[in-house]
Amino acid sequence: MAIRRSKPGKWLSPRRFWHLVVEAALILVLLLVLEAWLTRDAAHGTAPEISAIAITPQATVDGARLVYFWGTWCPVCRAQQGAINTLVKDTPLLSVAMQSGDMHEVESYLQEHQLHWPTVADEHGEIARQWGVRGVPAIFVIDRQNEIRFVTRGYTSAWGLRLRLWWAGR
């Protein structure tokens, strides 16, 4: 078997470059279609009201720029905790613990994991149904007029969330 050597300085030919651009564009389109399908039932327009007993006193949807649905039982949500911890320092956020037990169980989880998020317990998933959340983590980005601008489901980096917040006119 002969080894074919490329010419020096020609590691990426124009043809190969455009092939990679097309592949990247196709992957991006597939990811966007998947995101749209996963969030197809999510609330859009004006953010629904949340009426629940707050675990933390500052837990309110009024003024929240992010509404974060998560579960104590969700491994992806545990991976997402670092990004949420980064954002909660300077972004008005409300977290909704979906089907994770009553407010005392959720409060214990928050304390055990040193999570200082404004949180409400959605013990039976009623708030999640109202917002059209079928799986967690789910994050809603809300603008200053209380309109939902972006919905994402699954792991999202802090940078990705900050970009969405910026785009929503934070």
C-alpha atoms as a PDB file:
ATOM      1  CA  MET A   1       0.000   0.000   0.000  1.00  0.00           C
ATOM      2  CA  ALA A   2       1.521   3.276  -1.097  1.00  0.00           C
ATOM      3  CA  ILE A   3       1.268   6.355   1.085  1.00  0.00           C
ATOM      4  CA  ARG A   4       0.075   9.379  -0.816  1.00  0.00           C
ATOM      5  CA  ARG A   5       1.659  12.613   0.279  1.00  0.00           C
ATOM      6  CA  SER A   6       0.001  15.955  -0.182  1.00  0.00           C
ATOM      7  CA  LYS A   7       1.866  18.939  -1.469  1.00  0.00           C
ATOM      8  CA  PRO A   8       3.415  21.149   1.220  1.00  0.00           C
ATOM      9  CA  GLY A   9       1.136  24.053   2.185  1.00  0.00           C
ATOM     10  CA  LYS A  10      -1.891  22.434   0.533  1.00  0.00           C
ATOM     11  CA  TRP A  11      -3.414  20.637   3.524  1.00  0.00           C
ATOM     12  CA  LEU A  12      -6.819  22.141   2.754  1.00  0.00           C
ATOM     13  CA  SER A  13      -7.682  22.479  -0.888  1.00  0.00           C
ATOM     14  CA  PRO A  14     -10.502  24.820  -1.959  1.00  0.00           C
ATOM     15  CA  ARG A  15     -12.623  21.787  -2.855  1.00  0.00           C
ATOM     16  CA  ARG A  16     -12.089  20.216   0.581  1.00  0.00           C
ATOM     17  CA  PHE A  17     -12.804  23.582   2.276  1.00  0.00           C
ATOM     18  CA  TRP A  18     -16.211  23.921   0.562  1.00  0.00           C
ATOM     19  CA  HIS A  19     -16.989  20.285   1.313  1.00  0.00           C
ATOM     20  CA  LEU A  20     -16.412  21.007   5.021  1.00  0.00           C
ATOM     21  CA  VAL A  21     -18.530  24.178   4.843  1.00  0.00           C
ATOM     22  CA  VAL A  22     -21.442  22.247   3.322  1.00  0.00           C
ATOM     23  CA  GLU A  23     -21.125  19.486   5.944  1.00  0.00           C
ATOM     24  CA  ALA A  24     -21.092  22.046   8.768  1.00  0.00           C
ATOM     25  CA  ALA A  25     -24.155  23.799   7.303  1.00  0.00           C
ATOM     26  CA  LEU A  26     -26.041  20.488   7.044  1.00  0.00           C
ATOM     27  CA  ILE A  27     -25.201  19.612  10.636  1.00  0.00           C
ATOM     28  CA  LEU A  28     -26.376  23.051  11.778  1.00  0.00           C
ATOM     29  CA  VAL A  29     -29.650  22.694   9.876  1.00  0.00           C
ATOM     30  CA  LEU A  30     -30.219  19.228  11.378  1.00  0.00           C
ATOM     31  CA  LEU A  31     -29.586  20.566  14.891  1.00  0.00           C
ATOM     32  CA  LEU A  32     -31.998  23.453  14.346  1.00  0.00           C
ATOM     33  CA  VAL A  33     -34.685  21.096  13.025  1.00  0.00           C
ATOM     34  CA  LEU A  34     -34.173  18.796  16.023  1.00  0.00           C
ATOM     35  CA  GLU A  35     -34.415  21.761  18.422  1.00  0.00           C
ATOM     36  CA  ALA A  36     -37.633  22.925  16.743  1.00  0.00           C
ATOM     37  CA  TRP A  37     -39.121  19.434  16.988  1.00  0.00           C
ATOM     38  CA  LEU A  38     -38.166  19.034  20.666  1.00  0.00           C
ATOM     39  CA  THR A  39     -39.727  22.381  21.596  1.00  0.00           C
ATOM     40  CA  ARG A  40     -42.765  22.184  19.292  1.00  0.00           C
ATOM     41  CA  ASP A  41     -45.262  22.129  22.183  1.00  0.00           C
ATOM     42  CA  ALA A  42     -43.494  24.770  24.276  1.00  0.00           C
ATOM     43  CA  ALA A  43     -45.247  28.003  25.190  1.00  0.00           C
ATOM     44  CA  HIS A  44     -44.702  30.928  22.843  1.00  0.00           C
ATOM     45  CA  GLY A  45     -45.730  34.562  23.001  1.00  0.00           C
ATOM     46  CA  THR A  46     -46.400  36.048  26.418  1.00  0.00           C
ATOM     47  CA  ALA A  47     -44.845  34.024  29.247  1.00  0.00           C
ATOM     48  CA  PRO A  48     -47.539  32.190  31.241  1.00  0.00           C
ATOM     49  CA  GLU A  49     -48.022  33.125  34.884  1.00  0.00           C
ATOM     50  CA  ILE A  50     -46.586  30.773  37.474  1.00  0.00           C
ATOM     51  CA  SER A  51     -48.596  30.362  40.616  1.00  0.00           C
ATOM     52  CA  ALA A  52     -46.793  28.093  43.013  1.00  0.00           C
ATOM     53  CA  ILE A  53     -45.329  28.215  46.467  1.00  0.00           C
ATOM     54  CA  ALA A  54     -41.817  29.552  46.251  1.00  0.00           C
ATOM     55  CA  ILE A  55     -39.082  27.581  47.950  1.00  0.00           C
ATOM     56  CA  THR A  56     -36.905  30.672  47.944  1.00  0.00           C
ATOM     57  CA  PRO A  57     -38.365  34.117  48.676  1.00  0.00           C
ATOM     58  CA  GLN A  58     -37.067  35.724  45.473  1.00  0.00           C
ATOM     59  CA  ALA A  59     -38.732  33.087  43.250  1.00  0.00           C
ATOM     60  CA  THR A  60     -41.021  34.931  40.850  1.00  0.00           C
ATOM     61  CA  VAL A  61     -41.583  34.932  37.108  1.00  0.00           C
ATOM     62  CA  ASP A  62     -41.968  38.726  37.178  1.00  0.00           C
ATOM     63  CA  GLY A  63     -38.771  40.165  35.767  1.00  0.00           C
ATOM     64  CA  ALA A  64     -37.206  36.741  35.137  1.00  0.00           C
ATOM     65  CA  ARG A  65     -35.185  36.621  31.929  1.00  0.00           C
ATOM     66  CA  LEU A  66     -34.686  32.856  32.157  1.00  0.00           C
ATOM     67  CA  VAL A  67     -37.195  30.258  33.298  1.00  0.00           C
ATOM     68  CA  TYR A  68     -35.328  26.996  33.824  1.00  0.00           C
ATOM     69  CA  PHE A  69     -37.222  23.694  34.122  1.00  0.00           C
ATOM     70  CA  TRP A  70     -35.144  20.906  35.640  1.00  0.00           C
ATOM     71  CA  GLY A  71     -35.410  17.769  37.779  1.00  0.00           C
ATOM     72  CA  THR A  72     -33.421  16.383  40.675  1.00  0.00           C
ATOM     73  CA  TRP A  73     -33.561  13.017  38.889  1.00  0.00           C
ATOM     74  CA  CYS A  74     -32.145  14.364  35.594  1.00  0.00           C
ATOM     75  CA  PRO A  75     -28.435  13.686  34.845  1.00  0.00           C
ATOM     76  CA  VAL A  76     -28.313  16.319  32.081  1.00  0.00           C
ATOM     77  CA  CYS A  77     -29.740  18.869  34.541  1.00  0.00           C
ATOM     78  CA  ARG A  78     -26.882  18.060  36.932  1.00  0.00           C
ATOM     79  CA  ALA A  79     -24.428  18.739  34.099  1.00  0.00           C
ATOM     80  CA  GLN A  80     -26.269  22.022  33.418  1.00  0.00           C
ATOM     81  CA  GLN A  81     -25.918  23.235  37.044  1.00  0.00           C
ATOM     82  CA  GLY A  82     -22.585  24.981  36.449  1.00  0.00           C
ATOM     83  CA  ALA A  83     -23.967  27.085  33.598  1.00  0.00           C
ATOM     84  CA  ILE A  84     -27.043  28.026  35.635  1.00  0.00           C
ATOM     85  CA  ASN A  85     -24.893  28.908  38.658  1.00  0.00           C
ATOM     86  CA  THR A  86     -22.859  31.242  36.442  1.00  0.00           C
ATOM     87  CA  LEU A  87     -25.967  32.957  35.066  1.00  0.00           C
ATOM     88  CA  VAL A  88     -27.928  33.320  38.312  1.00  0.00           C
ATOM     89  CA  LYS A  89     -25.277  35.753  39.600  1.00  0.00           C
ATOM     90  CA  ASP A  90     -26.245  38.454  37.091  1.00  0.00           C
ATOM     91  CA  THR A  91     -29.413  37.308  35.320  1.00  0.00           C
ATOM     92  CA  PRO A  92     -32.937  37.330  36.774  1.00  0.00           C
ATOM     93  CA  LEU A  93     -33.833  33.636  36.791  1.00  0.00           C
ATOM     94  CA  LEU A  94     -36.625  31.409  38.018  1.00  0.00           C
ATOM     95  CA  SER A  95     -36.051  27.689  38.264  1.00  0.00           C
ATOM     96  CA  VAL A  96     -38.877  25.187  38.284  1.00  0.00           C
ATOM     97  CA  ALA A  97     -38.080  21.808  39.855  1.00  0.00           C
ATOM     98  CA  MET A  98     -40.306  19.538  37.779  1.00  0.00           C
ATOM     99  CA  GLN A  99     -41.658  16.369  39.382  1.00  0.00           C
ATOM    100  CA  SER A 100     -38.854  16.333  41.921  1.00  0.00           C
ATOM    101  CA  GLY A 101     -40.921  16.006  45.083  1.00  0.00           C
ATOM    102  CA  ASP A 102     -42.538  18.534  47.351  1.00  0.00           C
ATOM    103  CA  MET A 103     -41.018  21.876  48.300  1.00  0.00           C
ATOM    104  CA  HIS A 104     -39.166  20.391  51.290  1.00  0.00           C
ATOM    105  CA  GLU A 105     -37.515  17.678  49.177  1.00  0.00           C
ATOM    106  CA  VAL A 106     -36.477  20.198  46.525  1.00  0.00           C
ATOM    107  CA  GLU A 107     -35.202  22.599  49.191  1.00  0.00           C
ATOM    108  CA  SER A 108     -33.061  19.794  50.671  1.00  0.00           C
ATOM    109  CA  TYR A 109     -31.643  19.030  47.210  1.00  0.00           C
ATOM    110  CA  LEU A 110     -30.816  22.693  46.614  1.00  0.00           C
ATOM    111  CA  GLN A 111     -29.053  22.957  49.976  1.00  0.00           C
ATOM    112  CA  GLU A 112     -27.204  19.669  49.556  1.00  0.00           C
ATOM    113  CA  HIS A 113     -25.853  20.768  46.155  1.00  0.00           C
ATOM    114  CA  GLN A 114     -25.295  24.393  47.229  1.00  0.00           C
ATOM    115  CA  LEU A 115     -27.599  25.746  44.536  1.00  0.00           C
ATOM    116  CA  HIS A 116     -28.873  29.231  45.281  1.00  0.00           C
ATOM    117  CA  TRP A 117     -31.538  29.566  42.630  1.00  0.00           C
ATOM    118  CA  PRO A 118     -34.937  31.218  42.966  1.00  0.00           C
ATOM    119  CA  THR A 119     -37.020  28.036  42.789  1.00  0.00           C
ATOM    120  CA  VAL A 120     -40.572  26.749  42.829  1.00  0.00           C
ATOM    121  CA  ALA A 121     -41.510  23.083  43.161  1.00  0.00           C
ATOM    122  CA  ASP A 122     -43.688  21.644  40.404  1.00  0.00           C
ATOM    123  CA  GLU A 123     -44.442  18.420  42.234  1.00  0.00           C
ATOM    124  CA  HIS A 124     -47.048  17.104  39.787  1.00  0.00           C
ATOM    125  CA  GLY A 125     -45.827  18.770  36.582  1.00  0.00           C
ATOM    126  CA  GLU A 126     -48.728  21.231  36.352  1.00  0.00           C
ATOM    127  CA  ILE A 127     -46.498  24.247  35.652  1.00  0.00           C
ATOM    128  CA  ALA A 128     -44.542  22.232  33.078  1.00  0.00           C
ATOM    129  CA  ARG A 129     -47.784  21.329  31.271  1.00  0.00           C
ATOM    130  CA  GLN A 130     -48.852  24.982  31.301  1.00  0.00           C
ATOM    131  CA  TRP A 131     -45.532  25.951  29.669  1.00  0.00           C
ATOM    132  CA  GLY A 132     -45.590  22.980  27.245  1.00  0.00           C
ATOM    133  CA  VAL A 133     -42.500  21.352  28.745  1.00  0.00           C
ATOM    134  CA  ARG A 134     -42.246  17.647  27.929  1.00  0.00           C
ATOM    135  CA  GLY A 135     -38.665  17.038  29.026  1.00  0.00           C
ATOM    136  CA  VAL A 136     -35.886  18.653  30.987  1.00  0.00           C
ATOM    137  CA  PRO A 137     -33.729  20.603  31.026  1.00  0.00           C
ATOM    138  CA  ALA A 138     -35.849  23.194  29.257  1.00  0.00           C
ATOM    139  CA  ILE A 139     -34.981  26.879  29.263  1.00  0.00           C
ATOM    140  CA  PHE A 140     -37.144  29.817  28.204  1.00  0.00           C
ATOM    141  CA  VAL A 141     -35.501  33.169  27.429  1.00  0.00           C
ATOM    142  CA  ILE A 142     -37.902  36.030  28.094  1.00  0.00           C
ATOM    143  CA  ASP A 143     -37.497  39.625  26.932  1.00  0.00           C
ATOM    144  CA  ARG A 144     -38.342  42.776  28.912  1.00  0.00           C
ATOM    145  CA  GLN A 145     -41.888  42.811  27.540  1.00  0.00           C
ATOM    146  CA  ASN A 146     -42.466  39.346  29.076  1.00  0.00           C
ATOM    147  CA  GLU A 147     -42.431  37.676  25.649  1.00  0.00           C
ATOM    148  CA  ILE A 148     -40.777  34.296  25.175  1.00  0.00           C
ATOM    149  CA  ARG A 149     -37.999  34.814  22.637  1.00  0.00           C
ATOM    150  CA  PHE A 150     -36.159  31.477  22.733  1.00  0.00           C
ATOM    151  CA  VAL A 151     -36.883  27.976  23.984  1.00  0.00           C
ATOM    152  CA  THR A 152     -34.215  25.327  24.241  1.00  0.00           C
ATOM    153  CA  ARG A 153     -34.277  21.796  25.529  1.00  0.00           C
ATOM    154  CA  GLY A 154     -31.301  19.716  26.532  1.00  0.00           C
ATOM    155  CA  TYR A 155     -27.878  20.850  27.625  1.00  0.00           C
ATOM    156  CA  THR A 156     -27.016  24.441  26.765  1.00  0.00           C
ATOM    157  CA  SER A 157     -23.759  26.157  27.678  1.00  0.00           C
ATOM    158  CA  ALA A 158     -23.602  29.391  29.656  1.00  0.00           C
ATOM    159  CA  TRP A 159     -22.245  31.072  26.510  1.00  0.00           C
ATOM    160  CA  GLY A 160     -25.168  29.795  24.456  1.00  0.00           C
ATOM    161  CA  LEU A 161     -27.614  31.124  27.031  1.00  0.00           C
ATOM    162  CA  ARG A 162     -25.822  34.468  27.264  1.00  0.00           C
ATOM    163  CA  LEU A 163     -25.955  34.790  23.481  1.00  0.00           C
ATOM    164  CA  ARG A 164     -29.708  34.135  23.519  1.00  0.00           C
ATOM    165  CA  LEU A 165     -30.173  36.663  26.339  1.00  0.00           C
ATOM    166  CA  TRP A 166     -28.198  39.259  24.413  1.00  0.00           C
ATOM    167  CA  TRP A 167     -30.188  38.550  21.272  1.00  0.00           C
ATOM    168  CA  ALA A 168     -33.451  38.892  23.218  1.00  0.00           C
ATOM    169  CA  GLY A 169     -32.395  42.443  24.096  1.00  0.00           C
ATOM    170  CA  ARG A 170     -31.280  41.839  27.610  1.00  0.00           C
END
